[in-house]
């Protein structure tokens, strides 16, 4: 049901972790009869569901023009600067007239799960 909810809602990201007892909570007194291996497998399936949703959303940006605020340097050389869309998506950028602190219009050339890659017009 959790995986179906994640698929239906289409979250931008999840903050999730394997279950562990927290002292002082009612759950800390309950028996935990689920093995670590089962927890890990469930966790990985949940993350896979999330990644599939994110990839579809990221791929929809392919070829689109987006306005970004250039905010720093990336680790790569092909797209040397980082920026954020109005919605907070990370975009690694390349092209002329890009300066940290300024807005720019870029066309998304490729996508990944965690980043879009764009070039100035």
PDB file of N, CA and C in Angstrom:
ATOM      1  N   UNK A   1       0.823  -1.197   0.000  1.00  0.00           N
ATOM      2  CA  UNK A   1       0.000   0.000   0.000  1.00  0.00           C
ATOM      3  C   UNK A   1       0.866   1.259   0.000  1.00  0.00           C
ATOM      4  N   UNK A   2       1.999   1.202   0.695  1.00  0.00           N
ATOM      5  CA  UNK A   2       2.890   2.364   0.723  1.00  0.00           C
ATOM      6  C   UNK A   2       3.450   2.630  -0.666  1.00  0.00           C
ATOM      7  N   UNK A   3       3.879   1.577  -1.359  1.00  0.00           N
ATOM      8  CA  UNK A   3       4.411   1.759  -2.703  1.00  0.00           C
ATOM      9  C   UNK A   3       3.351   2.313  -3.646  1.00  0.00           C
ATOM     10  N   UNK A   4       2.120   1.852  -3.516  1.00  0.00           N
ATOM     11  CA  UNK A   4       1.042   2.362  -4.362  1.00  0.00           C
ATOM     12  C   UNK A   4       0.782   3.826  -4.066  1.00  0.00           C
ATOM     13  N   UNK A   5       0.820   4.200  -2.791  1.00  0.00           N
ATOM     14  CA  UNK A   5       0.643   5.607  -2.407  1.00  0.00           C
ATOM     15  C   UNK A   5       1.739   6.472  -3.024  1.00  0.00           C
ATOM     16  N   UNK A   6       2.984   6.018  -2.931  1.00  0.00           N
ATOM     17  CA  UNK A   6       4.105   6.764  -3.511  1.00  0.00           C
ATOM     18  C   UNK A   6       3.910   6.935  -5.015  1.00  0.00           C
ATOM     19  N   UNK A   7       3.484   5.875  -5.690  1.00  0.00           N
ATOM     20  CA  UNK A   7       3.239   5.952  -7.132  1.00  0.00           C
ATOM     21  C   UNK A   7       2.085   6.900  -7.449  1.00  0.00           C
ATOM     22  N   UNK A   8       1.023   6.851  -6.658  1.00  0.00           N
ATOM     23  CA  UNK A   8      -0.148   7.687  -6.913  1.00  0.00           C
ATOM     24  C   UNK A   8       0.125   9.172  -6.653  1.00  0.00           C
ATOM     25  N   UNK A   9       0.840   9.469  -5.589  1.00  0.00           N
ATOM     26  CA  UNK A   9       1.082  10.860  -5.204  1.00  0.00           C
ATOM     27  C   UNK A   9       2.148  11.497  -6.086  1.00  0.00           C
ATOM     28  N   UNK A  10       3.219  10.769  -6.376  1.00  0.00           N
ATOM     29  CA  UNK A  10       4.290  11.322  -7.195  1.00  0.00           C
ATOM     30  C   UNK A  10       5.142  12.330  -6.436  1.00  0.00           C
ATOM     31  N   UNK A  11       5.639  11.941  -5.285  1.00  0.00           N
ATOM     32  CA  UNK A  11       6.473  12.826  -4.473  1.00  0.00           C
ATOM     33  C   UNK A  11       7.735  13.230  -5.223  1.00  0.00           C
ATOM     34  N   UNK A  12       8.248  14.421  -4.923  1.00  0.00           N
ATOM     35  CA  UNK A  12       9.523  14.853  -5.483  1.00  0.00           C
ATOM     36  C   UNK A  12      10.667  14.038  -4.900  1.00  0.00           C
ATOM     37  N   UNK A  13      10.584  13.743  -3.618  1.00  0.00           N
ATOM     38  CA  UNK A  13      11.606  12.934  -2.963  1.00  0.00           C
ATOM     39  C   UNK A  13      11.026  12.314  -1.707  1.00  0.00           C
ATOM     40  N   UNK A  14      11.696  11.291  -1.225  1.00  0.00           N
ATOM     41  CA  UNK A  14      11.305  10.642   0.020  1.00  0.00           C
ATOM     42  C   UNK A  14      12.426  10.792   1.038  1.00  0.00           C
ATOM     43  N   UNK A  15      12.058  10.951   2.272  1.00  0.00           N
ATOM     44  CA  UNK A  15      13.019  10.869   3.368  1.00  0.00           C
ATOM     45  C   UNK A  15      12.633   9.618   4.119  1.00  0.00           C
ATOM     46  N   UNK A  16      13.343   8.540   3.866  1.00  0.00           N
ATOM     47  CA  UNK A  16      12.944   7.252   4.397  1.00  0.00           C
ATOM     48  C   UNK A  16      14.149   6.498   4.939  1.00  0.00           C
ATOM     49  N   UNK A  17      13.891   5.546   5.792  1.00  0.00           N
ATOM     50  CA  UNK A  17      14.954   4.779   6.428  1.00  0.00           C
ATOM     51  C   UNK A  17      14.373   3.460   6.913  1.00  0.00           C
ATOM     52  N   UNK A  18      15.242   2.521   7.214  1.00  0.00           N
ATOM     53  CA  UNK A  18      14.798   1.254   7.770  1.00  0.00           C
ATOM     54  C   UNK A  18      14.285   1.473   9.191  1.00  0.00           C
ATOM     55  N   UNK A  19      13.294   0.700   9.582  1.00  0.00           N
ATOM     56  CA  UNK A  19      12.746   0.796  10.930  1.00  0.00           C
ATOM     57  C   UNK A  19      13.792   0.400  11.970  1.00  0.00           C
ATOM     58  N   UNK A  20      13.836   1.172  13.030  1.00  0.00           N
ATOM     59  CA  UNK A  20      14.631   0.796  14.203  1.00  0.00           C
ATOM     60  C   UNK A  20      13.885   1.293  15.437  1.00  0.00           C
ATOM     61  N   UNK A  21      14.024   0.566  16.517  1.00  0.00           N
ATOM     62  CA  UNK A  21      13.318   0.932  17.750  1.00  0.00           C
ATOM     63  C   UNK A  21      13.838   2.255  18.288  1.00  0.00           C
ATOM     64  N   UNK A  22      12.919   3.053  18.799  1.00  0.00           N
ATOM     65  CA  UNK A  22      13.255   4.323  19.436  1.00  0.00           C
ATOM     66  C   UNK A  22      12.812   4.236  20.886  1.00  0.00           C
ATOM     67  N   UNK A  23      13.770   4.286  21.786  1.00  0.00           N
ATOM     68  CA  UNK A  23      13.415   4.159  23.205  1.00  0.00           C
ATOM     69  C   UNK A  23      12.464   5.280  23.619  1.00  0.00           C
ATOM     70  N   UNK A  24      11.563   4.923  24.528  1.00  0.00           N
ATOM     71  CA  UNK A  24      10.586   5.896  25.008  1.00  0.00           C
ATOM     72  C   UNK A  24       9.334   5.989  24.161  1.00  0.00           C
ATOM     73  N   UNK A  25       9.271   5.237  23.074  1.00  0.00           N
ATOM     74  CA  UNK A  25       8.067   5.238  22.234  1.00  0.00           C
ATOM     75  C   UNK A  25       7.290   3.946  22.466  1.00  0.00           C
ATOM     76  N   UNK A  26       5.988   3.968  22.223  1.00  0.00           N
ATOM     77  CA  UNK A  26       5.211   2.732  22.384  1.00  0.00           C
ATOM     78  C   UNK A  26       5.740   1.592  21.515  1.00  0.00           C
ATOM     79  N   UNK A  27       6.225   1.902  20.319  1.00  0.00           N
ATOM     80  CA  UNK A  27       6.719   0.856  19.421  1.00  0.00           C
ATOM     81  C   UNK A  27       7.968   0.172  19.973  1.00  0.00           C
ATOM     82  N   UNK A  28       8.708   0.840  20.837  1.00  0.00           N
ATOM     83  CA  UNK A  28       9.924   0.246  21.394  1.00  0.00           C
ATOM     84  C   UNK A  28       9.612  -0.982  22.237  1.00  0.00           C
ATOM     85  N   UNK A  29       8.393  -1.066  22.754  1.00  0.00           N
ATOM     86  CA  UNK A  29       7.987  -2.202  23.587  1.00  0.00           C
ATOM     87  C   UNK A  29       7.365  -3.335  22.770  1.00  0.00           C
ATOM     88  N   UNK A  30       7.114  -3.084  21.475  1.00  0.00           N
ATOM     89  CA  UNK A  30       6.478  -4.095  20.631  1.00  0.00           C
ATOM     90  C   UNK A  30       7.522  -5.040  20.059  1.00  0.00           C
ATOM     91  N   UNK A  31       7.091  -6.267  19.814  1.00  0.00           N
ATOM     92  CA  UNK A  31       7.989  -7.243  19.210  1.00  0.00           C
ATOM     93  C   UNK A  31       8.250  -6.876  17.754  1.00  0.00           C
ATOM     94  N   UNK A  32       9.485  -6.965  17.349  1.00  0.00           N
ATOM     95  CA  UNK A  32       9.869  -6.717  15.958  1.00  0.00           C
ATOM     96  C   UNK A  32      10.228  -8.057  15.338  1.00  0.00           C
ATOM     97  N   UNK A  33       9.274  -8.650  14.630  1.00  0.00           N
ATOM     98  CA  UNK A  33       9.491  -9.990  14.090  1.00  0.00           C
ATOM     99  C   UNK A  33       9.853  -9.989  12.606  1.00  0.00           C
ATOM    100  N   UNK A  34      10.225  -8.834  12.069  1.00  0.00           N
ATOM    101  CA  UNK A  34      10.617  -8.730  10.669  1.00  0.00           C
ATOM    102  C   UNK A  34      12.142  -8.727  10.583  1.00  0.00           C
ATOM    103  N   UNK A  35      12.680  -9.613   9.773  1.00  0.00           N
ATOM    104  CA  UNK A  35      14.146  -9.716   9.673  1.00  0.00           C
ATOM    105  C   UNK A  35      14.727  -8.499   8.964  1.00  0.00           C
ATOM    106  N   UNK A  36      16.001  -8.266   9.215  1.00  0.00           N
ATOM    107  CA  UNK A  36      16.691  -7.161   8.552  1.00  0.00           C
ATOM    108  C   UNK A  36      16.652  -7.336   7.037  1.00  0.00           C
ATOM    109  N   UNK A  37      16.791  -8.565   6.557  1.00  0.00           N
ATOM    110  CA  UNK A  37      16.780  -8.829   5.120  1.00  0.00           C
ATOM    111  C   UNK A  37      15.442  -8.449   4.491  1.00  0.00           C
ATOM    112  N   UNK A  38      14.349  -8.768   5.178  1.00  0.00           N
ATOM    113  CA  UNK A  38      13.019  -8.406   4.663  1.00  0.00           C
ATOM    114  C   UNK A  38      12.854  -6.890   4.673  1.00  0.00           C
ATOM    115  N   UNK A  39      13.285  -6.242   5.741  1.00  0.00           N
ATOM    116  CA  UNK A  39      13.212  -4.772   5.816  1.00  0.00           C
ATOM    117  C   UNK A  39      14.004  -4.144   4.673  1.00  0.00           C
ATOM    118  N   UNK A  40      15.205  -4.658   4.436  1.00  0.00           N
ATOM    119  CA  UNK A  40      16.060  -4.113   3.382  1.00  0.00           C
ATOM    120  C   UNK A  40      15.418  -4.297   2.015  1.00  0.00           C
ATOM    121  N   UNK A  41      14.846  -5.454   1.769  1.00  0.00           N
ATOM    122  CA  UNK A  41      14.193  -5.718   0.481  1.00  0.00           C
ATOM    123  C   UNK A  41      13.004  -4.786   0.271  1.00  0.00           C
ATOM    124  N   UNK A  42      12.216  -4.577   1.299  1.00  0.00           N
ATOM    125  CA  UNK A  42      11.068  -3.664   1.209  1.00  0.00           C
ATOM    126  C   UNK A  42      11.538  -2.228   0.949  1.00  0.00           C
ATOM    127  N   UNK A  43      12.569  -1.843   1.650  1.00  0.00           N
ATOM    128  CA  UNK A  43      13.147  -0.503   1.502  1.00  0.00           C
ATOM    129  C   UNK A  43      13.606  -0.288   0.058  1.00  0.00           C
ATOM    130  N   UNK A  44      14.303  -1.260  -0.493  1.00  0.00           N
ATOM    131  CA  UNK A  44      14.806  -1.147  -1.858  1.00  0.00           C
ATOM    132  C   UNK A  44      13.669  -1.091  -2.873  1.00  0.00           C
ATOM    133  N   UNK A  45      12.605  -1.855  -2.648  1.00  0.00           N
ATOM    134  CA  UNK A  45      11.441  -1.797  -3.548  1.00  0.00           C
ATOM    135  C   UNK A  45      10.776  -0.426  -3.483  1.00  0.00           C
ATOM    136  N   UNK A  46      10.679   0.137  -2.291  1.00  0.00           N
ATOM    137  CA  UNK A  46      10.095   1.467  -2.136  1.00  0.00           C
ATOM    138  C   UNK A  46      10.926   2.508  -2.882  1.00  0.00           C
ATOM    139  N   UNK A  47      12.245   2.458  -2.725  1.00  0.00           N
ATOM    140  CA  UNK A  47      13.111   3.411  -3.414  1.00  0.00           C
ATOM    141  C   UNK A  47      13.044   3.230  -4.927  1.00  0.00           C
ATOM    142  N   UNK A  48      12.923   1.998  -5.396  1.00  0.00           N
ATOM    143  CA  UNK A  48      12.798   1.748  -6.832  1.00  0.00           C
ATOM    144  C   UNK A  48      11.509   2.365  -7.363  1.00  0.00           C
ATOM    145  N   UNK A  49      10.420   2.220  -6.625  1.00  0.00           N
ATOM    146  CA  UNK A  49       9.150   2.833  -7.017  1.00  0.00           C
ATOM    147  C   UNK A  49       9.305   4.348  -7.103  1.00  0.00           C
ATOM    148  N   UNK A  50       9.941   4.933  -6.102  1.00  0.00           N
ATOM    149  CA  UNK A  50      10.158   6.377  -6.101  1.00  0.00           C
ATOM    150  C   UNK A  50      11.028   6.804  -7.285  1.00  0.00           C
ATOM    151  N   UNK A  51      12.105   6.085  -7.528  1.00  0.00           N
ATOM    152  CA  UNK A  51      12.996   6.435  -8.635  1.00  0.00           C
ATOM    153  C   UNK A  51      12.276   6.374  -9.980  1.00  0.00           C
ATOM    154  N   UNK A  52      11.408   5.398 -10.153  1.00  0.00           N
ATOM    155  CA  UNK A  52      10.650   5.291 -11.404  1.00  0.00           C
ATOM    156  C   UNK A  52       9.759   6.513 -11.600  1.00  0.00           C
ATOM    157  N   UNK A  53       9.123   6.965 -10.548  1.00  0.00           N
ATOM    158  CA  UNK A  53       8.257   8.155 -10.626  1.00  0.00           C
ATOM    159  C   UNK A  53       9.075   9.403 -10.948  1.00  0.00           C
ATOM    160  N   UNK A  54      10.201   9.549 -10.278  1.00  0.00           N
ATOM    161  CA  UNK A  54      11.056  10.717 -10.488  1.00  0.00           C
ATOM    162  C   UNK A  54      11.595  10.725 -11.916  1.00  0.00           C
ATOM    163  N   UNK A  55      12.015   9.574 -12.415  1.00  0.00           N
ATOM    164  CA  UNK A  55      12.583   9.526 -13.767  1.00  0.00           C
ATOM    165  C   UNK A  55      11.569   9.972 -14.809  1.00  0.00           C
ATOM    166  N   UNK A  56      10.319   9.560 -14.668  1.00  0.00           N
ATOM    167  CA  UNK A  56       9.270   9.984 -15.600  1.00  0.00           C
ATOM    168  C   UNK A  56       9.133  11.500 -15.563  1.00  0.00           C
ATOM    169  N   UNK A  57       9.109  12.064 -14.360  1.00  0.00           N
ATOM    170  CA  UNK A  57       8.970  13.518 -14.221  1.00  0.00           C
ATOM    171  C   UNK A  57      10.190  14.246 -14.783  1.00  0.00           C
ATOM    172  N   UNK A  58      11.390  13.742 -14.477  1.00  0.00           N
ATOM    173  CA  UNK A  58      12.607  14.369 -14.991  1.00  0.00           C
ATOM    174  C   UNK A  58      12.637  14.303 -16.522  1.00  0.00           C
ATOM    175  N   UNK A  59      12.306  13.151 -17.071  1.00  0.00           N
ATOM    176  CA  UNK A  59      12.339  12.974 -18.530  1.00  0.00           C
ATOM    177  C   UNK A  59      11.388  13.930 -19.248  1.00  0.00           C
ATOM    178  N   UNK A  60      10.322  14.340 -18.594  1.00  0.00           N
ATOM    179  CA  UNK A  60       9.368  15.274 -19.198  1.00  0.00           C
ATOM    180  C   UNK A  60      10.002  16.636 -19.463  1.00  0.00           C
ATOM    181  N   UNK A  61      11.121  16.929 -18.825  1.00  0.00           N
ATOM    182  CA  UNK A  61      11.818  18.203 -19.043  1.00  0.00           C
ATOM    183  C   UNK A  61      12.694  18.187 -20.294  1.00  0.00           C
ATOM    184  N   UNK A  62      12.954  17.019 -20.861  1.00  0.00           N
ATOM    185  CA  UNK A  62      13.823  16.907 -22.031  1.00  0.00           C
ATOM    186  C   UNK A  62      13.355  17.853 -23.131  1.00  0.00           C
ATOM    187  N   UNK A  63      14.277  18.727 -23.605  1.00  0.00           N
ATOM    188  CA  UNK A  63      13.961  19.667 -24.683  1.00  0.00           C
ATOM    189  C   UNK A  63      13.204  20.908 -24.254  1.00  0.00           C
ATOM    190  N   UNK A  64      12.824  20.997 -22.996  1.00  0.00           N
ATOM    191  CA  UNK A  64      12.057  22.147 -22.510  1.00  0.00           C
ATOM    192  C   UNK A  64      12.977  23.304 -22.143  1.00  0.00           C
ATOM    193  N   UNK A  65      12.441  24.501 -22.248  1.00  0.00           N
ATOM    194  CA  UNK A  65      13.140  25.715 -21.821  1.00  0.00           C
ATOM    195  C   UNK A  65      12.699  26.024 -20.392  1.00  0.00           C
ATOM    196  N   UNK A  66      13.670  26.226 -19.505  1.00  0.00           N
ATOM    197  CA  UNK A  66      13.358  26.547 -18.114  1.00  0.00           C
ATOM    198  C   UNK A  66      14.204  27.735 -17.658  1.00  0.00           C
ATOM    199  N   UNK A  67      13.642  28.497 -16.769  1.00  0.00           N
ATOM    200  CA  UNK A  67      14.351  29.628 -16.164  1.00  0.00           C
ATOM    201  C   UNK A  67      14.988  29.126 -14.880  1.00  0.00           C
ATOM    202  N   UNK A  68      16.273  29.433 -14.690  1.00  0.00           N
ATOM    203  CA  UNK A  68      17.003  28.963 -13.518  1.00  0.00           C
ATOM    204  C   UNK A  68      17.757  30.120 -12.869  1.00  0.00           C
ATOM    205  N   UNK A  69      18.066  29.939 -11.603  1.00  0.00           N
ATOM    206  CA  UNK A  69      18.942  30.848 -10.874  1.00  0.00           C
ATOM    207  C   UNK A  69      20.266  30.125 -10.690  1.00  0.00           C
ATOM    208  N   UNK A  70      21.318  30.660 -11.284  1.00  0.00           N
ATOM    209  CA  UNK A  70      22.640  30.043 -11.196  1.00  0.00           C
ATOM    210  C   UNK A  70      23.167  30.258  -9.782  1.00  0.00           C
ATOM    211  N   UNK A  71      23.585  29.145  -9.123  1.00  0.00           N
ATOM    212  CA  UNK A  71      23.942  29.264  -7.705  1.00  0.00           C
ATOM    213  C   UNK A  71      25.300  28.698  -7.313  1.00  0.00           C
ATOM    214  N   UNK A  72      26.034  28.092  -8.251  1.00  0.00           N
ATOM    215  CA  UNK A  72      27.327  27.553  -7.842  1.00  0.00           C
ATOM    216  C   UNK A  72      28.047  26.828  -8.959  1.00  0.00           C
ATOM    217  N   UNK A  73      29.115  26.157  -8.561  1.00  0.00           N
ATOM    218  CA  UNK A  73      29.938  25.390  -9.489  1.00  0.00           C
ATOM    219  C   UNK A  73      29.626  23.907  -9.340  1.00  0.00           C
ATOM    220  N   UNK A  74      29.584  23.204 -10.465  1.00  0.00           N
ATOM    221  CA  UNK A  74      29.365  21.760 -10.428  1.00  0.00           C
ATOM    222  C   UNK A  74      30.712  21.050 -10.380  1.00  0.00           C
ATOM    223  N   UNK A  75      30.666  19.741 -10.239  1.00  0.00           N
ATOM    224  CA  UNK A  75      31.891  18.941 -10.231  1.00  0.00           C
ATOM    225  C   UNK A  75      32.319  18.546 -11.640  1.00  0.00           C
ATOM    226  N   UNK A  76      31.427  18.714 -12.599  1.00  0.00           N
ATOM    227  CA  UNK A  76      31.731  18.296 -13.963  1.00  0.00           C
ATOM    228  C   UNK A  76      32.254  19.438 -14.818  1.00  0.00           C
ATOM    229  N   UNK A  77      32.857  19.077 -15.943  1.00  0.00           N
ATOM    230  CA  UNK A  77      33.393  20.094 -16.853  1.00  0.00           C
ATOM    231  C   UNK A  77      32.446  20.395 -18.010  1.00  0.00           C
ATOM    232  N   UNK A  78      31.636  19.424 -18.414  1.00  0.00           N
ATOM    233  CA  UNK A  78      30.718  19.659 -19.525  1.00  0.00           C
ATOM    234  C   UNK A  78      29.632  20.662 -19.144  1.00  0.00           C
ATOM    235  N   UNK A  79      29.157  20.587 -17.914  1.00  0.00           N
ATOM    236  CA  UNK A  79      28.151  21.505 -17.367  1.00  0.00           C
ATOM    237  C   UNK A  79      28.746  22.087 -16.084  1.00  0.00           C
ATOM    238  N   UNK A  80      29.532  23.155 -16.188  1.00  0.00           N
ATOM    239  CA  UNK A  80      30.350  23.615 -15.059  1.00  0.00           C
ATOM    240  C   UNK A  80      29.621  24.348 -13.940  1.00  0.00           C
ATOM    241  N   UNK A  81      28.383  24.757 -14.150  1.00  0.00           N
ATOM    242  CA  UNK A  81      27.674  25.509 -13.124  1.00  0.00           C
ATOM    243  C   UNK A  81      26.406  24.786 -12.681  1.00  0.00           C
ATOM    244  N   UNK A  82      25.981  25.071 -11.463  1.00  0.00           N
ATOM    245  CA  UNK A  82      24.714  24.538 -10.960  1.00  0.00           C
ATOM    246  C   UNK A  82      23.707  25.664 -10.851  1.00  0.00           C
ATOM    247  N   UNK A  83      22.448  25.277 -10.922  1.00  0.00           N
ATOM    248  CA  UNK A  83      21.360  26.238 -10.837  1.00  0.00           C
ATOM    249  C   UNK A  83      20.137  25.519 -10.281  1.00  0.00           C
ATOM    250  N   UNK A  84      19.120  26.307  -9.962  1.00  0.00           N
ATOM    251  CA  UNK A  84      17.856  25.753  -9.472  1.00  0.00           C
ATOM    252  C   UNK A  84      16.700  26.355 -10.257  1.00  0.00           C
ATOM    253  N   UNK A  85      15.730  25.497 -10.546  1.00  0.00           N
ATOM    254  CA  UNK A  85      14.493  25.986 -11.148  1.00  0.00           C
ATOM    255  C   UNK A  85      13.666  26.661 -10.068  1.00  0.00           C
ATOM    256  N   UNK A  86      12.593  27.301 -10.468  1.00  0.00           N
ATOM    257  CA  UNK A  86      11.691  27.931  -9.499  1.00  0.00           C
ATOM    258  C   UNK A  86      11.173  26.905  -8.497  1.00  0.00           C
ATOM    259  N   UNK A  87      11.003  25.664  -8.933  1.00  0.00           N
ATOM    260  CA  UNK A  87      10.532  24.601  -8.059  1.00  0.00           C
ATOM    261  C   UNK A  87      11.637  23.902  -7.287  1.00  0.00           C
ATOM    262  N   UNK A  88      12.876  24.365  -7.438  1.00  0.00           N
ATOM    263  CA  UNK A  88      13.981  23.823  -6.662  1.00  0.00           C
ATOM    264  C   UNK A  88      14.716  22.648  -7.282  1.00  0.00           C
ATOM    265  N   UNK A  89      14.416  22.310  -8.545  1.00  0.00           N
ATOM    266  CA  UNK A  89      15.133  21.210  -9.191  1.00  0.00           C
ATOM    267  C   UNK A  89      16.557  21.628  -9.512  1.00  0.00           C
ATOM    268  N   UNK A  90      17.486  20.705  -9.329  1.00  0.00           N
ATOM    269  CA  UNK A  90      18.885  20.954  -9.637  1.00  0.00           C
ATOM    270  C   UNK A  90      19.114  20.854 -11.141  1.00  0.00           C
ATOM    271  N   UNK A  91      19.810  21.866 -11.686  1.00  0.00           N
ATOM    272  CA  UNK A  91      20.158  21.876 -13.102  1.00  0.00           C
ATOM    273  C   UNK A  91      21.645  22.188 -13.218  1.00  0.00           C
ATOM    274  N   UNK A  92      22.395  21.293 -13.844  1.00  0.00           N
ATOM    275  CA  UNK A  92      23.790  21.593 -14.169  1.00  0.00           C
ATOM    276  C   UNK A  92      23.770  22.283 -15.522  1.00  0.00           C
ATOM    277  N   UNK A  93      24.492  23.411 -15.620  1.00  0.00           N
ATOM    278  CA  UNK A  93      24.361  24.287 -16.785  1.00  0.00           C
ATOM    279  C   UNK A  93      25.676  24.542 -17.493  1.00  0.00           C
ATOM    280  N   UNK A  94      25.532  24.863 -18.766  1.00  0.00           N
ATOM    281  CA  UNK A  94      26.667  25.280 -19.590  1.00  0.00           C
ATOM    282  C   UNK A  94      26.160  26.337 -20.561  1.00  0.00           C
ATOM    283  N   UNK A  95      27.083  27.111 -21.085  1.00  0.00           N
ATOM    284  CA  UNK A  95      26.714  28.094 -22.095  1.00  0.00           C
ATOM    285  C   UNK A  95      27.259  29.464 -21.790  1.00  0.00           C
ATOM    286  N   UNK A  96      26.925  30.385 -22.666  1.00  0.00           N
ATOM    287  CA  UNK A  96      27.413  31.757 -22.552  1.00  0.00           C
ATOM    288  C   UNK A  96      26.598  32.557 -21.546  1.00  0.00           C
ATOM    289  N   UNK A  97      27.232  33.556 -20.985  1.00  0.00           N
ATOM    290  CA  UNK A  97      26.599  34.549 -20.105  1.00  0.00           C
ATOM    291  C   UNK A  97      25.977  33.960 -18.842  1.00  0.00           C
ATOM    292  N   UNK A  98      26.544  32.876 -18.343  1.00  0.00           N
ATOM    293  CA  UNK A  98      26.081  32.309 -17.078  1.00  0.00           C
ATOM    294  C   UNK A  98      26.942  32.864 -15.951  1.00  0.00           C
ATOM    295  N   UNK A  99      26.296  33.473 -14.981  1.00  0.00           N
ATOM    296  CA  UNK A  99      27.017  34.001 -13.830  1.00  0.00           C
ATOM    297  C   UNK A  99      26.265  33.651 -12.562  1.00  0.00           C
ATOM    298  N   UNK A 100      27.019  33.252 -11.541  1.00  0.00           N
ATOM    299  CA  UNK A 100      26.413  32.927 -10.250  1.00  0.00           C
ATOM    300  C   UNK A 100      25.668  34.158  -9.739  1.00  0.00           C
ATOM    301  N   UNK A 101      24.443  33.921  -9.302  1.00  0.00           N
ATOM    302  CA  UNK A 101      23.595  34.990  -8.791  1.00  0.00           C
ATOM    303  C   UNK A 101      22.634  35.559  -9.814  1.00  0.00           C
ATOM    304  N   UNK A 102      22.762  35.149 -11.067  1.00  0.00           N
ATOM    305  CA  UNK A 102      21.884  35.654 -12.128  1.00  0.00           C
ATOM    306  C   UNK A 102      20.935  34.573 -12.617  1.00  0.00           C
ATOM    307  N   UNK A 103      19.824  35.028 -13.179  1.00  0.00           N
ATOM    308  CA  UNK A 103      18.877  34.132 -13.812  1.00  0.00           C
ATOM    309  C   UNK A 103      19.315  33.869 -15.243  1.00  0.00           C
ATOM    310  N   UNK A 104      18.929  32.710 -15.756  1.00  0.00           N
ATOM    311  CA  UNK A 104      19.216  32.365 -17.150  1.00  0.00           C
ATOM    312  C   UNK A 104      18.127  31.439 -17.664  1.00  0.00           C
ATOM    313  N   UNK A 105      17.932  31.461 -18.966  1.00  0.00           N
ATOM    314  CA  UNK A 105      17.037  30.514 -19.623  1.00  0.00           C
ATOM    315  C   UNK A 105      17.904  29.436 -20.258  1.00  0.00           C
ATOM    316  N   UNK A 106      17.594  28.187 -19.948  1.00  0.00           N
ATOM    317  CA  UNK A 106      18.347  27.061 -20.511  1.00  0.00           C
ATOM    318  C   UNK A 106      17.383  26.058 -21.118  1.00  0.00           C
ATOM    319  N   UNK A 107      17.871  25.315 -22.074  1.00  0.00           N
ATOM    320  CA  UNK A 107      17.115  24.206 -22.664  1.00  0.00           C
ATOM    321  C   UNK A 107      17.705  22.927 -22.093  1.00  0.00           C
ATOM    322  N   UNK A 108      16.847  22.062 -21.595  1.00  0.00           N
ATOM    323  CA  UNK A 108      17.295  20.814 -20.990  1.00  0.00           C
ATOM    324  C   UNK A 108      17.708  19.842 -22.098  1.00  0.00           C
ATOM    325  N   UNK A 109      18.982  19.433 -22.036  1.00  0.00           N
ATOM    326  CA  UNK A 109      19.547  18.541 -23.049  1.00  0.00           C
ATOM    327  C   UNK A 109      19.504  17.079 -22.639  1.00  0.00           C
ATOM    328  N   UNK A 110      19.611  16.824 -21.338  1.00  0.00           N
ATOM    329  CA  UNK A 110      19.533  15.449 -20.844  1.00  0.00           C
ATOM    330  C   UNK A 110      19.076  15.476 -19.390  1.00  0.00           C
ATOM    331  N   UNK A 111      18.696  14.295 -18.917  1.00  0.00           N
ATOM    332  CA  UNK A 111      18.145  14.201 -17.568  1.00  0.00           C
ATOM    333  C   UNK A 111      18.758  13.011 -16.842  1.00  0.00           C
ATOM    334  N   UNK A 112      18.667  13.067 -15.522  1.00  0.00           N
ATOM    335  CA  UNK A 112      19.007  11.923 -14.679  1.00  0.00           C
ATOM    336  C   UNK A 112      18.058  11.953 -13.493  1.00  0.00           C
ATOM    337  N   UNK A 113      18.166  10.983 -12.620  1.00  0.00           N
ATOM    338  CA  UNK A 113      17.279  10.943 -11.453  1.00  0.00           C
ATOM    339  C   UNK A 113      17.420  12.168 -10.562  1.00  0.00           C
ATOM    340  N   UNK A 114      18.616  12.661 -10.403  1.00  0.00           N
ATOM    341  CA  UNK A 114      18.859  13.723  -9.424  1.00  0.00           C
ATOM    342  C   UNK A 114      19.152  15.086 -10.028  1.00  0.00           C
ATOM    343  N   UNK A 115      19.319  15.151 -11.363  1.00  0.00           N
ATOM    344  CA  UNK A 115      19.740  16.409 -11.972  1.00  0.00           C
ATOM    345  C   UNK A 115      19.247  16.514 -13.404  1.00  0.00           C
ATOM    346  N   UNK A 116      18.949  17.745 -13.806  1.00  0.00           N
ATOM    347  CA  UNK A 116      18.705  18.067 -15.198  1.00  0.00           C
ATOM    348  C   UNK A 116      19.978  18.707 -15.738  1.00  0.00           C
ATOM    349  N   UNK A 117      20.190  18.657 -17.040  1.00  0.00           N
ATOM    350  CA  UNK A 117      21.374  19.245 -17.651  1.00  0.00           C
ATOM    351  C   UNK A 117      20.924  20.163 -18.774  1.00  0.00           C
ATOM    352  N   UNK A 118      21.277  21.457 -18.661  1.00  0.00           N
ATOM    353  CA  UNK A 118      20.804  22.418 -19.632  1.00  0.00           C
ATOM    354  C   UNK A 118      21.888  23.324 -20.169  1.00  0.00           C
ATOM    355  N   UNK A 119      21.587  23.925 -21.317  1.00  0.00           N
ATOM    356  CA  UNK A 119      22.514  24.835 -21.981  1.00  0.00           C
ATOM    357  C   UNK A 119      21.750  26.100 -22.338  1.00  0.00           C
ATOM    358  N   UNK A 120      22.441  27.232 -22.232  1.00  0.00           N
ATOM    359  CA  UNK A 120      21.811  28.505 -22.568  1.00  0.00           C
ATOM    360  C   UNK A 120      21.420  28.527 -24.045  1.00  0.00           C
ATOM    361  N   UNK A 121      20.435  29.345 -24.337  1.00  0.00           N
ATOM    362  CA  UNK A 121      19.930  29.454 -25.716  1.00  0.00           C
ATOM    363  C   UNK A 121      20.900  30.189 -26.592  1.00  0.00           C
TER     364      UNK A 121
END
